[in-house]
C-alpha cells in the first residue's frame, strides 16, 4: 500500500494530497529512510511523521484499503513515540500560548498601538 494513502486512511492527514505533500517535503520517514508518496508500506514498518519540531513514531499493525473511523485507527496503527518527545511538544505548545499576545474576541481590529506591539512581538 502507498504511504500517502495509508497516512490518509489512518487519519494522520485530512487529505491524501496533504500526506503526499508531507512525503515530498521529507516530513515522512519509513524505517528511518525518507519516503516518496509512492513508497510502499508493510505491516511492522515504523513510520516517523514530523509534527512541529519533533518526529512522532508509529508502528503499522494492519494495512487497510479505505479510510477508517477514528475508533478503528488504534487497531491499525500504534503510536510508539518516546514520552520525552511528547513532553517536549507539550511544553512547546504551552509556552507558545503564554508568549503569544492574546486579544479578546469580538473586539474589532487592533488600534495602531496594538498593531505596533504585535509587530514588535513577532519580529523578535
N, C-alpha and C. Protein backbone atom coordinates (compact mmCIF):
# COMPACT_ATOMS: atom_id res chain seq x y z
N UNK A 1 0.85 -1.18 0.00
CA UNK A 1 0.00 0.00 0.00
C UNK A 1 0.89 1.24 0.00
N UNK A 2 0.49 2.26 -0.73
CA UNK A 2 1.23 3.52 -0.80
C UNK A 2 1.20 4.24 0.55
N UNK A 3 2.31 4.89 0.90
CA UNK A 3 2.40 5.56 2.20
C UNK A 3 1.44 6.74 2.28
N UNK A 4 1.28 7.50 1.19
CA UNK A 4 0.37 8.65 1.27
C UNK A 4 -1.07 8.20 1.48
N UNK A 5 -1.44 7.11 0.84
CA UNK A 5 -2.80 6.60 1.01
C UNK A 5 -3.01 6.04 2.42
N UNK A 6 -1.97 5.39 2.96
CA UNK A 6 -2.07 4.83 4.31
C UNK A 6 -2.20 5.93 5.36
N UNK A 7 -1.38 6.97 5.24
CA UNK A 7 -1.44 8.08 6.20
C UNK A 7 -2.81 8.75 6.19
N UNK A 8 -3.41 8.86 5.01
CA UNK A 8 -4.75 9.42 4.89
C UNK A 8 -5.78 8.46 5.49
N UNK A 9 -5.61 7.16 5.24
CA UNK A 9 -6.59 6.17 5.70
C UNK A 9 -6.64 6.07 7.22
N UNK A 10 -5.49 6.26 7.88
CA UNK A 10 -5.47 6.16 9.35
C UNK A 10 -5.61 7.52 10.01
N UNK A 11 -6.03 8.51 9.25
CA UNK A 11 -6.40 9.82 9.75
C UNK A 11 -5.25 10.64 10.34
N UNK A 12 -4.04 10.44 9.85
CA UNK A 12 -2.95 11.32 10.26
C UNK A 12 -2.99 12.62 9.45
N UNK A 13 -3.60 12.57 8.28
CA UNK A 13 -3.80 13.75 7.44
C UNK A 13 -5.24 13.78 6.96
N UNK A 14 -5.78 15.00 6.83
CA UNK A 14 -7.18 15.15 6.42
C UNK A 14 -7.39 14.82 4.96
N UNK A 15 -6.38 15.14 4.12
CA UNK A 15 -6.49 14.89 2.69
C UNK A 15 -5.30 14.07 2.23
N UNK A 16 -5.52 13.24 1.24
CA UNK A 16 -4.43 12.45 0.70
C UNK A 16 -3.36 13.35 0.08
N UNK A 17 -3.78 14.46 -0.48
CA UNK A 17 -2.84 15.41 -1.06
C UNK A 17 -1.92 15.99 0.02
N UNK A 18 -2.44 16.23 1.21
CA UNK A 18 -1.61 16.72 2.32
C UNK A 18 -0.55 15.68 2.70
N UNK A 19 -0.94 14.41 2.73
CA UNK A 19 0.01 13.34 3.05
C UNK A 19 1.08 13.24 1.96
N UNK A 20 0.67 13.38 0.73
CA UNK A 20 1.62 13.34 -0.39
C UNK A 20 2.61 14.50 -0.31
N UNK A 21 2.12 15.69 0.00
CA UNK A 21 2.98 16.87 0.14
C UNK A 21 3.96 16.67 1.29
N UNK A 22 3.52 16.11 2.39
CA UNK A 22 4.41 15.87 3.54
C UNK A 22 5.53 14.91 3.15
N UNK A 23 5.21 13.90 2.36
CA UNK A 23 6.24 12.97 1.89
C UNK A 23 7.25 13.68 1.00
N UNK A 24 6.75 14.51 0.11
CA UNK A 24 7.62 15.24 -0.82
C UNK A 24 8.55 16.18 -0.07
N UNK A 25 8.06 16.81 0.99
CA UNK A 25 8.87 17.74 1.77
C UNK A 25 9.86 17.04 2.70
N UNK A 26 9.76 15.72 2.82
CA UNK A 26 10.69 14.98 3.67
C UNK A 26 10.25 14.86 5.11
N UNK A 27 9.00 15.08 5.39
CA UNK A 27 8.48 15.01 6.76
C UNK A 27 8.08 13.60 7.16
N UNK A 28 8.11 12.66 6.22
CA UNK A 28 7.71 11.28 6.48
C UNK A 28 8.91 10.37 6.28
N UNK A 29 9.18 9.52 7.26
CA UNK A 29 10.25 8.54 7.17
C UNK A 29 9.66 7.16 7.40
N UNK A 30 10.13 6.19 6.63
CA UNK A 30 9.74 4.80 6.84
C UNK A 30 11.01 4.06 7.22
N UNK A 31 11.02 3.47 8.39
CA UNK A 31 12.20 2.79 8.92
C UNK A 31 13.45 3.67 8.82
N UNK A 32 13.28 4.94 9.21
CA UNK A 32 14.34 5.95 9.26
C UNK A 32 14.93 6.31 7.90
N UNK A 33 14.15 6.08 6.82
CA UNK A 33 14.58 6.48 5.49
C UNK A 33 13.49 7.35 4.88
N UNK A 34 13.91 8.38 4.17
CA UNK A 34 12.96 9.29 3.54
C UNK A 34 12.05 8.54 2.59
N UNK A 35 10.78 8.95 2.54
CA UNK A 35 9.80 8.23 1.75
C UNK A 35 9.12 9.15 0.73
N UNK A 36 9.07 8.68 -0.51
CA UNK A 36 8.29 9.38 -1.52
C UNK A 36 6.83 8.96 -1.34
N UNK A 37 5.88 9.71 -1.92
CA UNK A 37 4.47 9.35 -1.73
C UNK A 37 4.11 7.95 -2.25
N UNK A 38 4.85 7.44 -3.22
CA UNK A 38 4.52 6.14 -3.80
C UNK A 38 5.20 4.98 -3.10
N UNK A 39 6.01 5.26 -2.09
CA UNK A 39 6.72 4.20 -1.36
C UNK A 39 5.71 3.27 -0.70
N UNK A 40 5.96 1.98 -0.79
CA UNK A 40 5.02 1.02 -0.20
C UNK A 40 5.34 0.81 1.28
N UNK A 41 4.30 0.61 2.03
CA UNK A 41 4.42 0.36 3.47
C UNK A 41 3.90 -1.05 3.74
N UNK A 42 4.57 -1.74 4.68
CA UNK A 42 4.20 -3.11 5.03
C UNK A 42 3.89 -3.19 6.52
N UNK A 43 3.26 -4.26 6.92
CA UNK A 43 2.98 -4.47 8.35
C UNK A 43 4.31 -4.58 9.09
N UNK A 44 4.39 -3.93 10.25
CA UNK A 44 5.60 -3.95 11.06
C UNK A 44 6.54 -2.80 10.79
N UNK A 45 6.29 -2.01 9.74
CA UNK A 45 7.13 -0.85 9.45
C UNK A 45 6.94 0.22 10.53
N UNK A 46 8.00 1.01 10.73
CA UNK A 46 7.95 2.14 11.65
C UNK A 46 7.88 3.41 10.80
N UNK A 47 6.82 4.19 11.00
CA UNK A 47 6.62 5.43 10.25
C UNK A 47 6.89 6.59 11.20
N UNK A 48 7.73 7.53 10.77
CA UNK A 48 8.00 8.74 11.54
C UNK A 48 7.37 9.91 10.82
N UNK A 49 6.55 10.68 11.53
CA UNK A 49 5.84 11.82 10.95
C UNK A 49 6.27 13.08 11.70
N UNK A 50 6.79 14.07 10.97
CA UNK A 50 7.23 15.29 11.62
C UNK A 50 6.02 16.14 11.98
N UNK A 51 5.94 16.50 13.25
CA UNK A 51 4.86 17.36 13.74
C UNK A 51 5.51 18.47 14.56
N UNK A 52 5.39 19.69 14.08
CA UNK A 52 6.05 20.86 14.66
C UNK A 52 7.55 20.62 14.67
N UNK A 53 8.17 20.39 15.81
CA UNK A 53 9.63 20.24 15.84
C UNK A 53 10.08 18.83 16.18
N UNK A 54 9.17 17.89 16.32
CA UNK A 54 9.56 16.52 16.66
C UNK A 54 9.01 15.54 15.63
N UNK A 55 9.57 14.34 15.64
CA UNK A 55 9.05 13.25 14.83
C UNK A 55 8.25 12.32 15.74
N UNK A 56 6.99 12.11 15.38
CA UNK A 56 6.16 11.14 16.10
C UNK A 56 6.30 9.82 15.37
N UNK A 57 6.44 8.73 16.12
CA UNK A 57 6.67 7.43 15.52
C UNK A 57 5.46 6.53 15.72
N UNK A 58 5.15 5.78 14.65
CA UNK A 58 4.01 4.87 14.65
C UNK A 58 4.45 3.53 14.08
N UNK A 59 3.86 2.47 14.59
CA UNK A 59 4.11 1.13 14.06
C UNK A 59 2.87 0.68 13.31
N UNK A 60 3.07 0.17 12.09
CA UNK A 60 1.96 -0.30 11.26
C UNK A 60 1.53 -1.68 11.75
N UNK A 61 0.28 -1.80 12.17
CA UNK A 61 -0.23 -3.08 12.63
C UNK A 61 -0.97 -3.82 11.52
N UNK A 62 -1.80 -3.10 10.78
CA UNK A 62 -2.57 -3.69 9.68
C UNK A 62 -2.59 -2.73 8.50
N UNK A 63 -2.65 -3.30 7.32
CA UNK A 63 -2.85 -2.49 6.12
C UNK A 63 -4.34 -2.43 5.83
N UNK A 64 -4.82 -1.27 5.46
CA UNK A 64 -6.24 -1.10 5.17
C UNK A 64 -6.40 -0.44 3.82
N UNK A 65 -7.49 -0.74 3.16
CA UNK A 65 -7.73 -0.22 1.81
C UNK A 65 -8.40 1.15 1.83
N UNK A 66 -9.35 1.35 2.73
CA UNK A 66 -10.13 2.59 2.76
C UNK A 66 -9.94 3.32 4.08
N UNK A 67 -10.35 4.57 4.10
CA UNK A 67 -10.28 5.38 5.32
C UNK A 67 -11.19 4.78 6.38
N UNK A 68 -10.69 4.73 7.62
CA UNK A 68 -11.48 4.13 8.70
C UNK A 68 -11.91 5.19 9.69
N UNK A 69 -12.89 4.85 10.50
CA UNK A 69 -13.36 5.75 11.53
C UNK A 69 -12.31 5.93 12.61
N UNK A 70 -12.44 7.00 13.37
CA UNK A 70 -11.44 7.33 14.38
C UNK A 70 -11.29 6.23 15.43
N UNK A 71 -12.37 5.53 15.74
CA UNK A 71 -12.32 4.47 16.74
C UNK A 71 -11.51 3.26 16.26
N UNK A 72 -11.44 3.06 14.94
CA UNK A 72 -10.75 1.89 14.39
C UNK A 72 -9.28 2.15 14.11
N UNK A 73 -8.82 3.36 14.26
CA UNK A 73 -7.41 3.68 13.97
C UNK A 73 -6.49 2.90 14.89
N UNK A 74 -6.85 2.73 16.15
CA UNK A 74 -6.00 2.04 17.12
C UNK A 74 -5.74 0.58 16.73
N UNK A 75 -6.64 -0.01 15.95
CA UNK A 75 -6.44 -1.40 15.51
C UNK A 75 -5.42 -1.50 14.39
N UNK A 76 -5.15 -0.39 13.71
CA UNK A 76 -4.29 -0.41 12.53
C UNK A 76 -2.96 0.29 12.72
N UNK A 77 -2.85 1.11 13.76
CA UNK A 77 -1.67 1.94 13.96
C UNK A 77 -1.40 2.06 15.46
N UNK A 78 -0.13 1.93 15.85
CA UNK A 78 0.25 2.03 17.25
C UNK A 78 1.30 3.12 17.39
N UNK A 79 1.03 4.11 18.26
CA UNK A 79 2.00 5.18 18.47
C UNK A 79 3.07 4.71 19.45
N UNK A 80 4.33 4.84 19.03
CA UNK A 80 5.44 4.38 19.86
C UNK A 80 6.43 5.52 20.14
N UNK A 81 5.96 6.75 20.06
CA UNK A 81 6.80 7.91 20.31
C UNK A 81 7.25 7.91 21.77
N UNK A 82 8.56 8.11 22.02
CA UNK A 82 9.03 8.17 23.41
C UNK A 82 8.38 9.32 24.19
N UNK A 83 8.17 9.11 25.47
CA UNK A 83 7.48 10.08 26.31
C UNK A 83 8.20 11.43 26.37
N UNK A 84 9.55 11.42 26.35
CA UNK A 84 10.26 12.70 26.44
C UNK A 84 10.01 13.59 25.23
N UNK A 85 9.82 12.98 24.06
CA UNK A 85 9.49 13.79 22.88
C UNK A 85 8.09 14.39 22.99
N UNK A 86 7.15 13.61 23.47
CA UNK A 86 5.79 14.11 23.64
C UNK A 86 5.76 15.22 24.69
N UNK A 87 6.55 15.07 25.74
CA UNK A 87 6.64 16.10 26.78
C UNK A 87 7.22 17.38 26.19
N UNK A 88 8.24 17.24 25.36
CA UNK A 88 8.84 18.41 24.71
C UNK A 88 7.81 19.15 23.86
N UNK A 89 6.99 18.41 23.12
CA UNK A 89 5.95 19.02 22.29
C UNK A 89 4.90 19.72 23.16
N UNK A 90 4.54 19.10 24.27
CA UNK A 90 3.56 19.69 25.18
C UNK A 90 4.09 21.00 25.77
N UNK A 91 5.36 21.01 26.17
CA UNK A 91 5.97 22.21 26.73
C UNK A 91 6.00 23.33 25.69
N UNK A 92 6.36 22.99 24.46
CA UNK A 92 6.39 23.99 23.39
C UNK A 92 5.02 24.59 23.16
N UNK A 93 3.99 23.76 23.16
CA UNK A 93 2.63 24.26 22.94
C UNK A 93 2.18 25.17 24.08
N UNK A 94 2.50 24.80 25.31
CA UNK A 94 2.14 25.63 26.46
C UNK A 94 2.88 26.96 26.42
N UNK A 95 4.16 26.92 26.07
CA UNK A 95 4.96 28.14 26.01
C UNK A 95 4.44 29.07 24.92
N UNK A 96 4.04 28.51 23.78
CA UNK A 96 3.55 29.36 22.69
C UNK A 96 2.24 30.04 23.08
N UNK A 97 1.42 29.38 23.90
CA UNK A 97 0.18 30.01 24.37
C UNK A 97 0.48 31.18 25.29
N UNK A 98 1.50 31.02 26.12
CA UNK A 98 1.85 32.07 27.08
C UNK A 98 2.51 33.25 26.38
N UNK A 99 3.45 32.98 25.47
CA UNK A 99 4.25 34.04 24.89
C UNK A 99 3.55 34.81 23.77
N UNK A 100 2.49 34.26 23.19
CA UNK A 100 1.77 34.94 22.12
C UNK A 100 0.76 35.91 22.72
N UNK A 101 0.78 37.17 22.30
CA UNK A 101 -0.22 38.10 22.83
C UNK A 101 -1.63 37.68 22.42
N UNK A 102 -2.53 37.73 23.37
CA UNK A 102 -3.90 37.31 23.12
C UNK A 102 -4.81 38.53 23.07
N UNK A 103 -5.76 38.52 22.14
CA UNK A 103 -6.76 39.57 22.05
C UNK A 103 -8.12 38.97 22.35
N UNK A 104 -8.95 39.74 23.00
CA UNK A 104 -10.30 39.27 23.28
C UNK A 104 -11.09 39.17 21.98
N UNK A 105 -11.96 38.20 21.93
CA UNK A 105 -12.80 38.04 20.74
C UNK A 105 -13.84 39.16 20.69
N UNK A 106 -14.25 39.47 19.48
CA UNK A 106 -15.29 40.48 19.25
C UNK A 106 -14.85 41.88 19.65
N UNK A 107 -13.54 42.16 19.63
CA UNK A 107 -13.07 43.49 19.99
C UNK A 107 -12.71 44.32 18.76
N UNK A 108 -12.89 43.78 17.59
CA UNK A 108 -12.62 44.54 16.38
C UNK A 108 -11.15 44.53 16.00
N UNK A 109 -10.81 45.40 15.09
CA UNK A 109 -9.44 45.47 14.61
C UNK A 109 -8.54 46.11 15.67
N UNK A 110 -7.25 45.76 15.65
CA UNK A 110 -6.34 46.38 16.62
C UNK A 110 -6.09 47.85 16.31
N UNK A 111 -5.85 48.62 17.35
CA UNK A 111 -5.50 50.03 17.16
C UNK A 111 -4.07 50.09 16.63
N UNK A 112 -3.61 51.30 16.28
CA UNK A 112 -2.25 51.45 15.78
C UNK A 112 -1.23 50.99 16.81
N UNK A 113 -1.45 51.36 18.08
CA UNK A 113 -0.52 50.98 19.13
C UNK A 113 -0.51 49.45 19.31
N UNK A 114 -1.69 48.84 19.33
CA UNK A 114 -1.77 47.38 19.47
C UNK A 114 -1.08 46.70 18.28
N UNK A 115 -1.25 47.24 17.09
CA UNK A 115 -0.64 46.68 15.90
C UNK A 115 0.89 46.75 15.98
N UNK A 116 1.42 47.88 16.44
CA UNK A 116 2.87 48.02 16.60
C UNK A 116 3.39 47.02 17.62
N UNK A 117 2.65 46.84 18.73
CA UNK A 117 3.06 45.88 19.74
C UNK A 117 3.07 44.45 19.18
N UNK A 118 2.05 44.13 18.40
CA UNK A 118 2.00 42.79 17.79
C UNK A 118 3.16 42.60 16.83
N UNK A 119 3.44 43.60 16.00
CA UNK A 119 4.55 43.51 15.05
C UNK A 119 5.88 43.36 15.78
N UNK A 120 6.05 44.11 16.87
CA UNK A 120 7.29 44.05 17.63
C UNK A 120 7.47 42.64 18.22
N UNK A 121 6.36 42.06 18.70
CA UNK A 121 6.42 40.73 19.29
C UNK A 121 6.83 39.68 18.25
N UNK A 122 6.25 39.72 17.06
CA UNK A 122 6.51 38.71 16.07
C UNK A 122 7.85 38.90 15.36
N UNK A 123 8.41 40.10 15.36
CA UNK A 123 9.72 40.32 14.76
C UNK A 123 10.84 39.86 15.68
N UNK A 124 10.62 39.86 16.96
CA UNK A 124 11.69 39.48 17.89
C UNK A 124 11.73 37.99 18.11
